[in-house]
N, C-alpha and C. Protein backbone atom coordinates (compact mmCIF):
# COMPACT_ATOMS: atom_id res chain seq x y z
N UNK A 1 102.16 33.65 146.88
CA UNK A 1 102.90 34.20 148.00
C UNK A 1 102.22 33.77 149.30
N UNK A 2 102.98 33.14 150.16
CA UNK A 2 102.41 32.57 151.38
C UNK A 2 101.84 33.65 152.30
N UNK A 3 102.44 34.81 152.31
CA UNK A 3 101.93 35.89 153.17
C UNK A 3 100.52 36.32 152.75
N UNK A 4 100.27 36.37 151.45
CA UNK A 4 98.92 36.72 150.97
C UNK A 4 97.91 35.66 151.34
N UNK A 5 98.32 34.39 151.25
CA UNK A 5 97.42 33.29 151.64
C UNK A 5 97.10 33.36 153.13
N UNK A 6 98.11 33.63 153.94
CA UNK A 6 97.88 33.75 155.38
C UNK A 6 96.94 34.91 155.67
N UNK A 7 97.19 36.05 155.04
CA UNK A 7 96.34 37.22 155.24
C UNK A 7 94.88 36.90 154.91
N UNK A 8 94.65 36.25 153.78
CA UNK A 8 93.29 35.89 153.38
C UNK A 8 92.65 34.95 154.40
N UNK A 9 93.41 33.99 154.89
CA UNK A 9 92.89 33.06 155.89
C UNK A 9 92.56 33.77 157.20
N UNK A 10 93.42 34.70 157.61
CA UNK A 10 93.17 35.43 158.85
C UNK A 10 91.95 36.34 158.73
N UNK A 11 91.76 36.92 157.54
CA UNK A 11 90.58 37.78 157.31
C UNK A 11 89.28 36.99 157.42
N UNK A 12 89.33 35.69 157.12
CA UNK A 12 88.15 34.85 157.29
C UNK A 12 87.81 34.67 158.77
N UNK A 13 88.82 34.73 159.61
CA UNK A 13 88.62 34.59 161.06
C UNK A 13 88.15 35.91 161.66
N UNK A 14 88.79 37.01 161.25
CA UNK A 14 88.45 38.34 161.78
C UNK A 14 88.70 39.38 160.70
N UNK A 15 87.68 40.13 160.37
CA UNK A 15 87.78 41.14 159.31
C UNK A 15 88.87 42.18 159.62
N UNK A 16 89.08 42.47 160.90
CA UNK A 16 90.07 43.46 161.30
C UNK A 16 91.44 42.78 161.49
N UNK A 17 92.09 42.49 160.36
CA UNK A 17 93.40 41.84 160.33
C UNK A 17 94.37 42.77 159.61
N UNK A 18 95.54 42.98 160.25
CA UNK A 18 96.49 43.96 159.72
C UNK A 18 97.92 43.44 159.83
N UNK A 19 98.78 43.80 158.87
CA UNK A 19 100.20 43.47 159.00
C UNK A 19 100.90 44.47 159.92
N UNK A 20 101.65 43.98 160.85
CA UNK A 20 102.60 44.69 161.72
C UNK A 20 101.97 45.63 162.75
N UNK A 21 101.13 46.59 162.36
CA UNK A 21 100.57 47.54 163.32
C UNK A 21 99.08 47.74 163.08
N UNK A 22 98.39 48.17 164.12
CA UNK A 22 96.97 48.50 164.00
C UNK A 22 96.81 49.93 163.49
N UNK A 23 95.74 50.20 162.75
CA UNK A 23 95.44 51.60 162.41
C UNK A 23 94.96 52.34 163.66
N UNK A 24 94.90 53.65 163.59
CA UNK A 24 94.37 54.43 164.71
C UNK A 24 92.89 54.09 164.89
N UNK A 25 92.43 54.25 166.12
CA UNK A 25 91.01 54.03 166.45
C UNK A 25 90.53 52.62 166.11
N UNK A 26 91.36 51.63 166.38
CA UNK A 26 91.01 50.24 166.09
C UNK A 26 89.88 49.76 167.02
N UNK A 27 89.02 48.95 166.49
CA UNK A 27 87.95 48.31 167.25
C UNK A 27 88.36 46.85 167.46
N UNK A 28 88.17 46.34 168.65
CA UNK A 28 88.55 44.97 168.96
C UNK A 28 87.33 44.07 169.00
N UNK A 29 87.47 42.79 168.64
CA UNK A 29 88.71 42.05 168.45
C UNK A 29 89.39 42.42 167.13
N UNK A 30 90.69 42.19 167.12
CA UNK A 30 91.50 42.48 165.94
C UNK A 30 92.75 41.60 165.96
N UNK A 31 93.35 41.46 164.79
CA UNK A 31 94.52 40.60 164.61
C UNK A 31 95.62 41.41 163.93
N UNK A 32 96.85 41.23 164.40
CA UNK A 32 98.01 41.70 163.64
C UNK A 32 98.94 40.51 163.42
N UNK A 33 99.67 40.55 162.32
CA UNK A 33 100.61 39.46 162.03
C UNK A 33 101.93 40.04 161.56
N UNK A 34 103.00 39.25 161.79
CA UNK A 34 104.36 39.65 161.44
C UNK A 34 105.07 38.47 160.80
N UNK A 35 106.01 38.76 159.93
CA UNK A 35 106.97 37.76 159.50
C UNK A 35 108.14 37.88 160.47
N UNK A 36 108.41 36.79 161.20
CA UNK A 36 109.50 36.77 162.17
C UNK A 36 110.80 36.37 161.51
N UNK A 37 110.73 35.39 160.59
CA UNK A 37 111.93 34.90 159.92
C UNK A 37 111.52 34.31 158.57
N UNK A 38 112.23 34.68 157.54
CA UNK A 38 112.00 34.14 156.20
C UNK A 38 113.34 33.62 155.70
N UNK A 39 113.68 32.39 156.12
CA UNK A 39 115.00 31.85 155.80
C UNK A 39 114.90 30.76 154.75
N UNK A 40 115.97 30.59 154.01
CA UNK A 40 116.02 29.57 152.97
C UNK A 40 116.88 28.41 153.43
N UNK A 41 116.46 27.19 153.09
CA UNK A 41 117.26 25.99 153.34
C UNK A 41 118.05 25.70 152.07
N UNK A 42 119.35 25.48 152.23
CA UNK A 42 120.20 25.29 151.06
C UNK A 42 120.63 23.83 150.96
N UNK A 43 120.55 23.30 149.77
CA UNK A 43 121.00 21.93 149.50
C UNK A 43 122.52 21.91 149.42
N UNK A 44 123.09 20.71 149.49
CA UNK A 44 124.55 20.58 149.44
C UNK A 44 125.14 21.06 148.12
N UNK A 45 124.33 21.05 147.05
CA UNK A 45 124.82 21.53 145.76
C UNK A 45 124.69 23.05 145.61
N UNK A 46 124.20 23.73 146.66
CA UNK A 46 124.10 25.18 146.63
C UNK A 46 122.74 25.71 146.23
N UNK A 47 121.87 24.85 145.70
CA UNK A 47 120.53 25.30 145.30
C UNK A 47 119.64 25.48 146.53
N UNK A 48 118.70 26.40 146.40
CA UNK A 48 117.73 26.59 147.47
C UNK A 48 116.65 25.51 147.34
N UNK A 49 116.43 24.74 148.42
CA UNK A 49 115.45 23.65 148.38
C UNK A 49 114.06 24.16 148.72
N UNK A 50 113.91 24.73 149.87
CA UNK A 50 112.63 25.26 150.30
C UNK A 50 112.88 26.34 151.34
N UNK A 51 111.82 27.01 151.70
CA UNK A 51 111.97 28.10 152.66
C UNK A 51 110.94 27.93 153.76
N UNK A 52 111.40 28.10 154.99
CA UNK A 52 110.51 28.12 156.13
C UNK A 52 110.23 29.58 156.47
N UNK A 53 108.97 29.95 156.51
CA UNK A 53 108.61 31.31 156.90
C UNK A 53 107.97 31.21 158.28
N UNK A 54 108.54 31.93 159.23
CA UNK A 54 108.02 31.92 160.60
C UNK A 54 107.20 33.19 160.81
N UNK A 55 105.98 32.99 161.29
CA UNK A 55 105.06 34.09 161.53
C UNK A 55 104.70 34.19 163.01
N UNK A 56 104.32 35.37 163.40
CA UNK A 56 103.68 35.58 164.69
C UNK A 56 102.35 36.27 164.41
N UNK A 57 101.30 35.74 165.03
CA UNK A 57 99.97 36.34 164.92
C UNK A 57 99.53 36.68 166.34
N UNK A 58 99.08 37.90 166.54
CA UNK A 58 98.57 38.34 167.83
C UNK A 58 97.09 38.67 167.71
N UNK A 59 96.31 38.06 168.59
CA UNK A 59 94.87 38.30 168.65
C UNK A 59 94.61 39.16 169.88
N UNK A 60 93.88 40.24 169.72
CA UNK A 60 93.53 41.12 170.83
C UNK A 60 92.01 41.18 170.97
N UNK A 61 91.55 41.06 172.21
CA UNK A 61 90.11 41.11 172.47
C UNK A 61 89.87 41.57 173.90
N UNK A 62 88.71 42.15 174.15
CA UNK A 62 88.33 42.52 175.52
C UNK A 62 87.90 41.30 176.31
N UNK A 63 87.62 40.21 175.64
CA UNK A 63 87.14 38.99 176.27
C UNK A 63 88.17 37.87 176.15
N UNK A 64 88.47 37.23 177.27
CA UNK A 64 89.40 36.09 177.26
C UNK A 64 88.87 34.96 176.40
N UNK A 65 87.61 34.60 176.58
CA UNK A 65 87.05 33.47 175.82
C UNK A 65 87.02 33.76 174.32
N UNK A 66 86.74 34.99 173.94
CA UNK A 66 86.76 35.35 172.52
C UNK A 66 88.17 35.24 171.95
N UNK A 67 89.16 35.69 172.72
CA UNK A 67 90.55 35.60 172.23
C UNK A 67 90.96 34.14 172.04
N UNK A 68 90.52 33.26 172.96
CA UNK A 68 90.85 31.84 172.84
C UNK A 68 90.14 31.20 171.64
N UNK A 69 88.90 31.56 171.42
CA UNK A 69 88.14 31.04 170.28
C UNK A 69 88.80 31.46 168.96
N UNK A 70 89.18 32.72 168.86
CA UNK A 70 89.85 33.21 167.65
C UNK A 70 91.18 32.50 167.46
N UNK A 71 91.91 32.27 168.55
CA UNK A 71 93.18 31.55 168.45
C UNK A 71 92.97 30.16 167.86
N UNK A 72 91.96 29.44 168.33
CA UNK A 72 91.70 28.10 167.82
C UNK A 72 91.34 28.13 166.33
N UNK A 73 90.58 29.12 165.92
CA UNK A 73 90.24 29.25 164.50
C UNK A 73 91.48 29.54 163.66
N UNK A 74 92.37 30.35 164.19
CA UNK A 74 93.62 30.67 163.48
C UNK A 74 94.49 29.43 163.36
N UNK A 75 94.61 28.66 164.42
CA UNK A 75 95.41 27.43 164.37
C UNK A 75 94.86 26.50 163.29
N UNK A 76 93.55 26.37 163.20
CA UNK A 76 92.93 25.55 162.16
C UNK A 76 93.33 26.06 160.77
N UNK A 77 93.27 27.38 160.57
CA UNK A 77 93.64 27.97 159.26
C UNK A 77 95.11 27.72 158.94
N UNK A 78 95.97 27.83 159.96
CA UNK A 78 97.41 27.59 159.76
C UNK A 78 97.64 26.14 159.34
N UNK A 79 96.95 25.22 159.97
CA UNK A 79 97.08 23.81 159.60
C UNK A 79 96.62 23.58 158.16
N UNK A 80 95.59 24.29 157.71
CA UNK A 80 95.14 24.19 156.32
C UNK A 80 96.22 24.65 155.34
N UNK A 81 97.08 25.57 155.80
CA UNK A 81 98.18 26.08 154.96
C UNK A 81 99.44 25.24 155.13
N UNK A 82 99.30 24.06 155.74
CA UNK A 82 100.42 23.15 156.01
C UNK A 82 101.44 23.75 156.96
N UNK A 83 100.95 24.54 157.89
CA UNK A 83 101.82 25.12 158.92
C UNK A 83 102.14 24.09 159.99
N UNK A 84 103.21 24.36 160.72
CA UNK A 84 103.63 23.48 161.79
C UNK A 84 104.39 24.24 162.85
N UNK A 85 104.90 23.50 163.83
CA UNK A 85 105.63 24.08 164.96
C UNK A 85 104.83 25.21 165.61
N UNK A 86 103.55 24.95 165.84
CA UNK A 86 102.65 25.97 166.36
C UNK A 86 102.76 26.03 167.88
N UNK A 87 102.95 27.22 168.39
CA UNK A 87 102.92 27.44 169.84
C UNK A 87 102.10 28.70 170.11
N UNK A 88 101.58 28.78 171.33
CA UNK A 88 100.79 29.96 171.67
C UNK A 88 100.99 30.30 173.13
N UNK A 89 100.59 31.52 173.46
CA UNK A 89 100.77 32.02 174.82
C UNK A 89 99.63 32.97 175.15
N UNK A 90 99.10 32.87 176.39
CA UNK A 90 98.09 33.80 176.89
C UNK A 90 98.80 35.01 177.49
N UNK A 91 98.37 36.20 177.10
CA UNK A 91 98.94 37.43 177.65
C UNK A 91 97.80 38.39 177.97
N UNK A 92 98.10 39.39 178.78
CA UNK A 92 97.10 40.40 179.12
C UNK A 92 97.76 41.75 179.22
N UNK A 93 97.20 42.75 178.56
CA UNK A 93 97.69 44.12 178.61
C UNK A 93 96.84 44.88 179.62
N UNK A 94 97.40 45.12 180.79
CA UNK A 94 96.65 45.78 181.87
C UNK A 94 96.29 47.23 181.54
N UNK A 95 97.19 47.93 180.85
CA UNK A 95 96.91 49.33 180.50
C UNK A 95 95.72 49.45 179.56
N UNK A 96 95.70 48.59 178.56
CA UNK A 96 94.63 48.64 177.55
C UNK A 96 93.45 47.74 177.91
N UNK A 97 93.63 46.90 178.93
CA UNK A 97 92.59 45.95 179.36
C UNK A 97 92.18 45.02 178.21
N UNK A 98 93.21 44.45 177.58
CA UNK A 98 92.99 43.56 176.44
C UNK A 98 93.64 42.20 176.68
N UNK A 99 92.91 41.16 176.34
CA UNK A 99 93.46 39.81 176.33
C UNK A 99 94.17 39.62 175.00
N UNK A 100 95.30 38.92 175.06
CA UNK A 100 96.10 38.72 173.85
C UNK A 100 96.49 37.26 173.75
N UNK A 101 96.36 36.72 172.56
CA UNK A 101 96.86 35.39 172.24
C UNK A 101 98.01 35.57 171.26
N UNK A 102 99.21 35.16 171.66
CA UNK A 102 100.38 35.20 170.79
C UNK A 102 100.52 33.81 170.18
N UNK A 103 100.50 33.74 168.86
CA UNK A 103 100.59 32.47 168.15
C UNK A 103 101.83 32.52 167.24
N UNK A 104 102.68 31.54 167.37
CA UNK A 104 103.95 31.48 166.63
C UNK A 104 103.95 30.18 165.84
N UNK A 105 104.31 30.24 164.55
CA UNK A 105 104.30 29.03 163.73
C UNK A 105 105.16 29.21 162.49
N UNK A 106 105.43 28.10 161.82
CA UNK A 106 106.16 28.10 160.56
C UNK A 106 105.30 27.52 159.46
N UNK A 107 105.49 28.07 158.27
CA UNK A 107 104.86 27.51 157.07
C UNK A 107 105.98 27.29 156.04
N UNK A 108 106.02 26.10 155.47
CA UNK A 108 107.02 25.80 154.45
C UNK A 108 106.62 26.41 153.12
N UNK A 109 107.56 27.10 152.55
CA UNK A 109 107.37 27.64 151.19
C UNK A 109 108.27 26.81 150.28
N UNK A 110 107.67 26.10 149.36
CA UNK A 110 108.44 25.18 148.49
C UNK A 110 108.61 25.80 147.12
């Protein structure tokens, strides 16, 4: 299951990795990940050929440089999983005073 492989890879980058939401009293840096789209590609004969799974990974840290370093490590892990269409964005949560890296990518599930 590609989601389990991604989770294991993200845990290698940051031990505090969670699906969808953070637990209460989270310590940063931390990562959350989501499945954005899990669609199937259909062949002309009606069979399912492969599936593209689109993920979003958000890195939160009190330090901008730490968030960028973690983002680069995550991109490397995604490439190891044959991920592609990788994009990212710098964000900042003023209320929580946290730097955030939003990383969006697809992994082919064959």
